[in-house]
Amino acid sequence: MNTGLDEILEASTFYSTNSPEVSRYLLKFSQNEINDLLDNKISTSTYQINLRNYTANITGLNSDTTLEIYPISGSWNMGTGRYSNSPQVTNGVSWKYKSTSGSGEWSTTFTAYVTASYPSTNSGGGTWYTGSALGLVITASQTLSYSSDKDLNVNVTNIVRNWYSSSKSLGGFSNDGFIIKQSNSSEFIADLNYVTTVKYFSIDTHTIYPPCLEFRWRDYSFNTGSSTNSIINTSRLVASLGDNNGY
């Protein structure tokens, strides 16, 4: 599934004299579609849910750059502004505000399981959950290196389970989407020679690569006939399709 919202949070001032602006981005997917898949298609099957986002451009990649994925705490507005708008449109989420510029600042005081990360001179940048009353590990990350796939492909099953439980009034926290950020050590680095910029295709992309939630589950069953074995575990077995023409 790939319907939803996305937005970029970008610091409006430098962390220090020599360091660049910090940038993070938000993604949100329809809870109704998530519930439909879990209720009506996956049901009791074993499943895994991965967040997929495809690389548009990467510059300054260090030997290891870690992207962290957390569930957002608090609602936000995607807004309608675009990069080239003149005058600038500021009716959406930003580094400091959750909805419209000038109102609804991101909180700097936190409830249970919620935190944030920002320079002392420029608070904001979103708030997110790092724990859950359901006891599930909800933090996720992916390390990018020269030899690895740069597309984002991260298991976020526990995060989505929390959203699903909340929608059914079974605990958890409501679906306000994901925040994707670099680790603090990379974001607030003081040396411009070690800055990594990672850009991914957004939901508004005119390509076939919008971000999506990928649901994986087993939807098959098999009949062993008169055999008393349910799984063949011999190493000498060769499975093939007879008369297969290669298509």
C-alpha atoms as a PDB file:
ATOM      1  CA  MET A   1       0.000   0.000   0.000  1.00  0.00           C
ATOM      2  CA  ASN A   2       1.327   3.476  -0.852  1.00  0.00           C
ATOM      3  CA  THR A   3      -1.463   5.991  -0.199  1.00  0.00           C
ATOM      4  CA  GLY A   4      -0.791   8.573   2.460  1.00  0.00           C
ATOM      5  CA  LEU A   5       1.061  11.770   3.324  1.00  0.00           C
ATOM      6  CA  ASP A   6       4.662  12.897   3.469  1.00  0.00           C
ATOM      7  CA  GLU A   7       6.595  16.016   4.412  1.00  0.00           C
ATOM      8  CA  ILE A   8      10.097  17.286   5.172  1.00  0.00           C
ATOM      9  CA  LEU A   9      11.206  18.878   8.436  1.00  0.00           C
ATOM     10  CA  GLU A  10      14.210  21.137   7.995  1.00  0.00           C
ATOM     11  CA  ALA A  11      15.993  23.278  10.552  1.00  0.00           C
ATOM     12  CA  SER A  12      15.846  26.946   9.661  1.00  0.00           C
ATOM     13  CA  THR A  13      19.111  27.855  11.384  1.00  0.00           C
ATOM     14  CA  PHE A  14      22.510  26.261  11.567  1.00  0.00           C
ATOM     15  CA  TYR A  15      23.370  24.012  14.487  1.00  0.00           C
ATOM     16  CA  SER A  16      26.750  25.704  14.647  1.00  0.00           C
ATOM     17  CA  THR A  17      28.780  28.075  12.489  1.00  0.00           C
ATOM     18  CA  ASN A  18      30.264  25.348  10.300  1.00  0.00           C
ATOM     19  CA  SER A  19      27.529  22.696  10.196  1.00  0.00           C
ATOM     20  CA  PRO A  20      24.613  22.373   7.750  1.00  0.00           C
ATOM     21  CA  GLU A  21      20.880  22.418   8.343  1.00  0.00           C
ATOM     22  CA  VAL A  22      19.332  19.249   9.804  1.00  0.00           C
ATOM     23  CA  SER A  23      16.662  17.603   7.686  1.00  0.00           C
ATOM     24  CA  ARG A  24      14.170  14.833   8.575  1.00  0.00           C
ATOM     25  CA  TYR A  25      11.063  13.579   6.811  1.00  0.00           C
ATOM     26  CA  LEU A  26       7.640  12.265   7.792  1.00  0.00           C
ATOM     27  CA  LEU A  27       5.488   9.573   6.183  1.00  0.00           C
ATOM     28  CA  LYS A  28       1.949   8.499   7.003  1.00  0.00           C
ATOM     29  CA  PHE A  29      -0.186   5.683   5.564  1.00  0.00           C
ATOM     30  CA  SER A  30      -3.935   5.156   5.757  1.00  0.00           C
ATOM     31  CA  GLN A  31      -5.012   3.331   8.928  1.00  0.00           C
ATOM     32  CA  ASN A  32      -8.206   2.192   7.176  1.00  0.00           C
ATOM     33  CA  GLU A  33      -6.171   0.407   4.509  1.00  0.00           C
ATOM     34  CA  ILE A  34      -3.892  -1.135   7.139  1.00  0.00           C
ATOM     35  CA  ASN A  35      -6.928  -2.443   9.039  1.00  0.00           C
ATOM     36  CA  ASP A  36      -8.499  -3.793   5.854  1.00  0.00           C
ATOM     37  CA  LEU A  37      -5.389  -5.809   5.049  1.00  0.00           C
ATOM     38  CA  LEU A  38      -4.981  -7.169   8.580  1.00  0.00           C
ATOM     39  CA  ASP A  39      -8.694  -7.906   9.113  1.00  0.00           C
ATOM     40  CA  ASN A  40      -9.836  -9.157   5.724  1.00  0.00           C
ATOM     41  CA  LYS A  41      -6.795 -10.482   3.878  1.00  0.00           C
ATOM     42  CA  ILE A  42      -4.068 -11.508   6.345  1.00  0.00           C
ATOM     43  CA  SER A  43      -6.358 -12.487   9.239  1.00  0.00           C
ATOM     44  CA  THR A  44      -4.571 -15.075  11.427  1.00  0.00           C
ATOM     45  CA  SER A  45      -1.668 -15.689   9.002  1.00  0.00           C
ATOM     46  CA  THR A  46       1.909 -14.982  10.035  1.00  0.00           C
ATOM     47  CA  TYR A  47       2.992 -11.656   8.526  1.00  0.00           C
ATOM     48  CA  GLN A  48       5.743  -9.065   8.291  1.00  0.00           C
ATOM     49  CA  ILE A  49       5.415  -5.391   7.324  1.00  0.00           C
ATOM     50  CA  ASN A  50       8.317  -3.484   5.780  1.00  0.00           C
ATOM     51  CA  LEU A  51       8.647   0.235   5.087  1.00  0.00           C
ATOM     52  CA  ARG A  52       9.962   0.672   1.535  1.00  0.00           C
ATOM     53  CA  ASN A  53      11.358   3.951   0.211  1.00  0.00           C
ATOM     54  CA  TYR A  54      13.419   4.277  -2.943  1.00  0.00           C
ATOM     55  CA  THR A  55      16.600   6.310  -3.395  1.00  0.00           C
ATOM     56  CA  ALA A  56      16.470   9.492  -5.464  1.00  0.00           C
ATOM     57  CA  ASN A  57      19.943  10.855  -4.667  1.00  0.00           C
ATOM     58  CA  ILE A  58      22.698  10.356  -2.075  1.00  0.00           C
ATOM     59  CA  THR A  59      25.774  12.550  -1.625  1.00  0.00           C
ATOM     60  CA  GLY A  60      28.638  12.446   0.854  1.00  0.00           C
ATOM     61  CA  LEU A  61      27.882   8.904   2.020  1.00  0.00           C
ATOM     62  CA  ASN A  62      30.162   7.882   4.859  1.00  0.00           C
ATOM     63  CA  SER A  63      31.388   4.312   5.226  1.00  0.00           C
ATOM     64  CA  ASP A  64      28.351   3.697   7.450  1.00  0.00           C
ATOM     65  CA  THR A  65      25.369   6.051   7.642  1.00  0.00           C
ATOM     66  CA  THR A  66      22.463   4.977   9.854  1.00  0.00           C
ATOM     67  CA  LEU A  67      18.852   5.990   9.221  1.00  0.00           C
ATOM     68  CA  GLU A  68      16.502   5.690  12.200  1.00  0.00           C
ATOM     69  CA  ILE A  69      12.742   5.121  11.887  1.00  0.00           C
ATOM     70  CA  TYR A  70      10.325   5.948  14.715  1.00  0.00           C
ATOM     71  CA  PRO A  71       6.543   6.290  15.049  1.00  0.00           C
ATOM     72  CA  ILE A  72       5.584   9.961  15.305  1.00  0.00           C
ATOM     73  CA  SER A  73       3.940  11.230  18.486  1.00  0.00           C
ATOM     74  CA  GLY A  74       1.359  13.884  17.623  1.00  0.00           C
ATOM     75  CA  SER A  75      -0.688  14.803  14.581  1.00  0.00           C
ATOM     76  CA  TRP A  76       0.675  17.018  11.787  1.00  0.00           C
ATOM     77  CA  ASN A  77      -0.464  18.634   8.570  1.00  0.00           C
ATOM     78  CA  MET A  78       1.229  17.903   5.245  1.00  0.00           C
ATOM     79  CA  GLY A  79       0.370  21.328   3.826  1.00  0.00           C
ATOM     80  CA  THR A  80       0.198  22.364   0.172  1.00  0.00           C
ATOM     81  CA  GLY A  81       3.455  24.281  -0.262  1.00  0.00           C
ATOM     82  CA  ARG A  82       6.102  23.379  -2.827  1.00  0.00           C
ATOM     83  CA  TYR A  83       9.798  24.195  -2.967  1.00  0.00           C
ATOM     84  CA  SER A  84       9.469  26.764  -5.772  1.00  0.00           C
ATOM     85  CA  ASN A  85       6.383  28.579  -4.447  1.00  0.00           C
ATOM     86  CA  SER A  86       6.658  32.380  -4.421  1.00  0.00           C
ATOM     87  CA  PRO A  87       5.471  33.700  -2.086  1.00  0.00           C
ATOM     88  CA  GLN A  88       6.333  30.762   0.169  1.00  0.00           C
ATOM     89  CA  VAL A  89       3.389  28.645   1.387  1.00  0.00           C
ATOM     90  CA  THR A  90       3.690  27.813   5.101  1.00  0.00           C
ATOM     91  CA  ASN A  91       0.435  25.997   5.908  1.00  0.00           C
ATOM     92  CA  GLY A  92       2.087  22.679   6.724  1.00  0.00           C
ATOM     93  CA  VAL A  93       4.378  20.990   9.213  1.00  0.00           C
ATOM     94  CA  SER A  94       7.902  22.362   9.634  1.00  0.00           C
ATOM     95  CA  TRP A  95      10.879  22.012  11.955  1.00  0.00           C
ATOM     96  CA  LYS A  96       9.197  24.126  14.634  1.00  0.00           C
ATOM     97  CA  TYR A  97       5.443  23.752  13.949  1.00  0.00           C
ATOM     98  CA  LYS A  98       3.123  20.750  13.510  1.00  0.00           C
ATOM     99  CA  SER A  99       0.404  22.339  11.411  1.00  0.00           C
ATOM    100  CA  THR A 100       0.689  25.973  10.305  1.00  0.00           C
ATOM    101  CA  SER A 101       3.671  28.276  10.665  1.00  0.00           C
ATOM    102  CA  GLY A 102       3.213  30.329  13.828  1.00  0.00           C
ATOM    103  CA  SER A 103       1.057  27.857  15.783  1.00  0.00           C
ATOM    104  CA  GLY A 104       1.191  24.366  17.279  1.00  0.00           C
ATOM    105  CA  GLU A 105       4.861  24.002  18.107  1.00  0.00           C
ATOM    106  CA  TRP A 106       6.403  20.567  18.547  1.00  0.00           C
ATOM    107  CA  SER A 107       6.488  19.799  22.261  1.00  0.00           C
ATOM    108  CA  THR A 108       9.656  20.020  24.315  1.00  0.00           C
ATOM    109  CA  THR A 109       8.095  18.229  27.320  1.00  0.00           C
ATOM    110  CA  PHE A 110       7.378  14.555  26.902  1.00  0.00           C
ATOM    111  CA  THR A 111       4.971  11.909  28.175  1.00  0.00           C
ATOM    112  CA  ALA A 112       5.865   8.257  28.771  1.00  0.00           C
ATOM    113  CA  TYR A 113       7.770   6.590  25.901  1.00  0.00           C
ATOM    114  CA  VAL A 114       8.082   9.878  23.939  1.00  0.00           C
ATOM    115  CA  THR A 115      11.236  11.857  23.152  1.00  0.00           C
ATOM    116  CA  ALA A 116      12.814  14.261  20.662  1.00  0.00           C
ATOM    117  CA  SER A 117      16.255  15.410  19.546  1.00  0.00           C
ATOM    118  CA  TYR A 118      17.338  18.919  18.604  1.00  0.00           C
ATOM    119  CA  PRO A 119      20.131  21.471  19.110  1.00  0.00           C
ATOM    120  CA  SER A 120      19.802  23.621  22.204  1.00  0.00           C
ATOM    121  CA  THR A 121      19.459  26.721  20.026  1.00  0.00           C
ATOM    122  CA  ASN A 122      16.735  25.377  17.718  1.00  0.00           C
ATOM    123  CA  SER A 123      14.077  23.176  19.365  1.00  0.00           C
ATOM    124  CA  GLY A 124      11.656  21.216  17.211  1.00  0.00           C
ATOM    125  CA  GLY A 125      12.159  18.557  14.569  1.00  0.00           C
ATOM    126  CA  GLY A 126       9.280  16.308  15.663  1.00  0.00           C
ATOM    127  CA  THR A 127       8.530  14.069  18.624  1.00  0.00           C
ATOM    128  CA  TRP A 128       8.424  10.281  18.500  1.00  0.00           C
ATOM    129  CA  TYR A 129       7.873   7.103  20.488  1.00  0.00           C
ATOM    130  CA  THR A 130      10.799   4.974  21.598  1.00  0.00           C
ATOM    131  CA  GLY A 131       8.746   2.506  23.661  1.00  0.00           C
ATOM    132  CA  SER A 132       5.249   1.085  24.048  1.00  0.00           C
ATOM    133  CA  ALA A 133       3.017  -0.144  26.867  1.00  0.00           C
ATOM    134  CA  LEU A 134       2.402  -3.240  24.720  1.00  0.00           C
ATOM    135  CA  GLY A 135       5.988  -4.313  25.310  1.00  0.00           C
ATOM    136  CA  LEU A 136       6.953  -4.404  21.625  1.00  0.00           C
ATOM    137  CA  VAL A 137      10.303  -3.140  20.318  1.00  0.00           C
ATOM    138  CA  ILE A 138       9.212  -0.274  18.071  1.00  0.00           C
ATOM    139  CA  THR A 139      12.508   1.324  17.055  1.00  0.00           C
ATOM    140  CA  ALA A 140      13.946   0.457  13.647  1.00  0.00           C
ATOM    141  CA  SER A 141      17.015   1.411  11.649  1.00  0.00           C
ATOM    142  CA  GLN A 142      18.994   0.667   8.513  1.00  0.00           C
ATOM    143  CA  THR A 143      22.693   1.224   7.911  1.00  0.00           C
ATOM    144  CA  LEU A 144      23.746   2.407   4.452  1.00  0.00           C
ATOM    145  CA  SER A 145      27.217   1.641   3.173  1.00  0.00           C
ATOM    146  CA  TYR A 146      28.974   1.580  -0.181  1.00  0.00           C
ATOM    147  CA  SER A 147      28.342  -2.146  -0.553  1.00  0.00           C
ATOM    148  CA  SER A 148      24.689  -2.165   0.588  1.00  0.00           C
ATOM    149  CA  ASP A 149      21.373  -1.444  -1.079  1.00  0.00           C
ATOM    150  CA  LYS A 150      20.593   2.259  -0.544  1.00  0.00           C
ATOM    151  CA  ASP A 151      16.806   1.821  -0.815  1.00  0.00           C
ATOM    152  CA  LEU A 152      15.036   1.844   2.540  1.00  0.00           C
ATOM    153  CA  ASN A 153      13.667  -1.601   3.402  1.00  0.00           C
ATOM    154  CA  VAL A 154      12.995  -1.864   7.145  1.00  0.00           C
ATOM    155  CA  ASN A 155      10.849  -4.198   9.252  1.00  0.00           C
ATOM    156  CA  VAL A 156       8.253  -1.980  10.985  1.00  0.00           C
ATOM    157  CA  THR A 157       5.822  -4.752  11.979  1.00  0.00           C
ATOM    158  CA  ASN A 158       5.740  -3.834  15.671  1.00  0.00           C
ATOM    159  CA  ILE A 159       5.038  -0.173  14.940  1.00  0.00           C
ATOM    160  CA  VAL A 160       2.079  -1.066  12.731  1.00  0.00           C
ATOM    161  CA  ARG A 161       0.831  -3.562  15.337  1.00  0.00           C
ATOM    162  CA  ASN A 162       0.720  -0.736  17.876  1.00  0.00           C
ATOM    163  CA  TRP A 163      -1.309   1.404  15.463  1.00  0.00           C
ATOM    164  CA  TYR A 164      -3.667  -1.487  14.775  1.00  0.00           C
ATOM    165  CA  SER A 165      -4.158  -2.189  18.494  1.00  0.00           C
ATOM    166  CA  SER A 166      -4.918   1.480  19.109  1.00  0.00           C
ATOM    167  CA  SER A 167      -7.504   1.547  16.302  1.00  0.00           C
ATOM    168  CA  LYS A 168      -9.244  -1.399  18.010  1.00  0.00           C
ATOM    169  CA  SER A 169      -9.031   0.263  21.469  1.00  0.00           C
ATOM    170  CA  LEU A 170      -6.601  -2.412  22.652  1.00  0.00           C
ATOM    171  CA  GLY A 171      -3.797  -0.107  23.759  1.00  0.00           C
ATOM    172  CA  GLY A 172      -0.864   1.114  21.729  1.00  0.00           C
ATOM    173  CA  PHE A 173      -0.629   4.588  20.173  1.00  0.00           C
ATOM    174  CA  SER A 174      -2.488   6.134  17.269  1.00  0.00           C
ATOM    175  CA  ASN A 175      -1.132   6.222  13.733  1.00  0.00           C
ATOM    176  CA  ASP A 176       0.565   9.586  13.154  1.00  0.00           C
ATOM    177  CA  GLY A 177       3.088   8.123  10.753  1.00  0.00           C
ATOM    178  CA  PHE A 178       6.859   7.634  10.728  1.00  0.00           C
ATOM    179  CA  ILE A 179       9.745  10.020  11.152  1.00  0.00           C
ATOM    180  CA  ILE A 180      12.951   9.084   9.311  1.00  0.00           C
ATOM    181  CA  LYS A 181      16.176  10.724  10.462  1.00  0.00           C
ATOM    182  CA  GLN A 182      19.902  10.193  10.601  1.00  0.00           C
ATOM    183  CA  SER A 183      21.490   9.299  13.917  1.00  0.00           C
ATOM    184  CA  ASN A 184      22.259  12.210  16.251  1.00  0.00           C
ATOM    185  CA  SER A 185      25.991  11.811  15.714  1.00  0.00           C
ATOM    186  CA  SER A 186      25.486  12.387  11.971  1.00  0.00           C
ATOM    187  CA  GLU A 187      22.827  15.105  12.207  1.00  0.00           C
ATOM    188  CA  PHE A 188      24.650  17.396  14.604  1.00  0.00           C
ATOM    189  CA  ILE A 189      28.120  16.905  13.231  1.00  0.00           C
ATOM    190  CA  ALA A 190      30.325  20.000  13.319  1.00  0.00           C
ATOM    191  CA  ASP A 191      32.469  19.198  10.248  1.00  0.00           C
ATOM    192  CA  LEU A 192      31.065  19.917   6.775  1.00  0.00           C
ATOM    193  CA  ASN A 193      33.491  17.360   5.302  1.00  0.00           C
ATOM    194  CA  TYR A 194      31.412  14.540   6.818  1.00  0.00           C
ATOM    195  CA  VAL A 195      27.895  15.606   5.817  1.00  0.00           C
ATOM    196  CA  THR A 196      25.687  12.944   4.214  1.00  0.00           C
ATOM    197  CA  THR A 197      22.576  13.916   2.264  1.00  0.00           C
ATOM    198  CA  VAL A 198      20.044  11.140   1.592  1.00  0.00           C
ATOM    199  CA  LYS A 199      17.014  11.879  -0.616  1.00  0.00           C
ATOM    200  CA  TYR A 200      14.146   9.473  -1.325  1.00  0.00           C
ATOM    201  CA  PHE A 201      11.189   9.643  -3.704  1.00  0.00           C
ATOM    202  CA  SER A 202       8.088  11.118  -2.087  1.00  0.00           C
ATOM    203  CA  ILE A 203       4.425  10.171  -2.364  1.00  0.00           C
ATOM    204  CA  ASP A 204       4.048  12.924  -4.994  1.00  0.00           C
ATOM    205  CA  THR A 205       6.686  11.402  -7.272  1.00  0.00           C
ATOM    206  CA  HIS A 206       5.851  11.016 -10.964  1.00  0.00           C
ATOM    207  CA  THR A 207       7.827   7.762 -11.034  1.00  0.00           C
ATOM    208  CA  ILE A 208       6.897   4.207 -10.070  1.00  0.00           C
ATOM    209  CA  TYR A 209       8.813   4.571  -6.793  1.00  0.00           C
ATOM    210  CA  PRO A 210       6.547   6.165  -4.151  1.00  0.00           C
ATOM    211  CA  PRO A 211       7.137   5.068  -0.536  1.00  0.00           C
ATOM    212  CA  CYS A 212       4.990   2.129   0.520  1.00  0.00           C
ATOM    213  CA  LEU A 213       4.217  -0.350   3.271  1.00  0.00           C
ATOM    214  CA  GLU A 214       4.911  -3.868   2.038  1.00  0.00           C
ATOM    215  CA  PHE A 215       2.825  -6.594   3.707  1.00  0.00           C
ATOM    216  CA  ARG A 216       4.180 -10.138   3.476  1.00  0.00           C
ATOM    217  CA  TRP A 217       2.175 -13.147   4.576  1.00  0.00           C
ATOM    218  CA  ARG A 218       1.596 -16.804   3.736  1.00  0.00           C
ATOM    219  CA  ASP A 219      -1.695 -17.234   1.914  1.00  0.00           C
ATOM    220  CA  TYR A 220      -1.257 -20.834   0.766  1.00  0.00           C
ATOM    221  CA  SER A 221      -2.047 -24.315   2.100  1.00  0.00           C
ATOM    222  CA  PHE A 222      -1.022 -27.741   0.881  1.00  0.00           C
ATOM    223  CA  ASN A 223      -2.283 -31.316   0.964  1.00  0.00           C
ATOM    224  CA  THR A 224       0.198 -34.141   1.576  1.00  0.00           C
ATOM    225  CA  GLY A 225      -2.278 -36.845   0.490  1.00  0.00           C
ATOM    226  CA  SER A 226      -1.505 -40.194   2.012  1.00  0.00           C
ATOM    227  CA  SER A 227       1.958 -39.119   3.133  1.00  0.00           C
ATOM    228  CA  THR A 228       2.515 -38.865   6.885  1.00  0.00           C
ATOM    229  CA  ASN A 229       5.183 -36.183   6.306  1.00  0.00           C
ATOM    230  CA  SER A 230       4.212 -32.525   6.215  1.00  0.00           C
ATOM    231  CA  ILE A 231       7.676 -31.174   5.383  1.00  0.00           C
ATOM    232  CA  ILE A 232      10.275 -32.795   3.149  1.00  0.00           C
ATOM    233  CA  ASN A 233      13.685 -32.188   4.681  1.00  0.00           C
ATOM    234  CA  THR A 234      15.931 -34.433   2.576  1.00  0.00           C
ATOM    235  CA  SER A 235      18.805 -32.690   0.797  1.00  0.00           C
ATOM    236  CA  ARG A 236      18.413 -34.998  -2.242  1.00  0.00           C
ATOM    237  CA  LEU A 237      15.054 -33.624  -3.306  1.00  0.00           C
ATOM    238  CA  VAL A 238      14.918 -31.666  -6.581  1.00  0.00           C
ATOM    239  CA  ALA A 239      11.714 -29.706  -7.272  1.00  0.00           C
ATOM    240  CA  SER A 240      10.918 -28.654 -10.836  1.00  0.00           C
ATOM    241  CA  LEU A 241       8.050 -27.851 -13.203  1.00  0.00           C
ATOM    242  CA  GLY A 242       7.587 -30.472 -15.883  1.00  0.00           C
ATOM    243  CA  ASP A 243       7.444 -29.253 -19.509  1.00  0.00           C
ATOM    244  CA  ASN A 244       8.047 -25.663 -18.392  1.00  0.00           C
ATOM    245  CA  ASN A 245       8.836 -23.533 -21.434  1.00  0.00           C
ATOM    246  CA  GLY A 246      10.674 -20.882 -19.461  1.00  0.00           C
ATOM    247  CA  TYR A 247       7.888 -18.290 -19.291  1.00  0.00           C
END
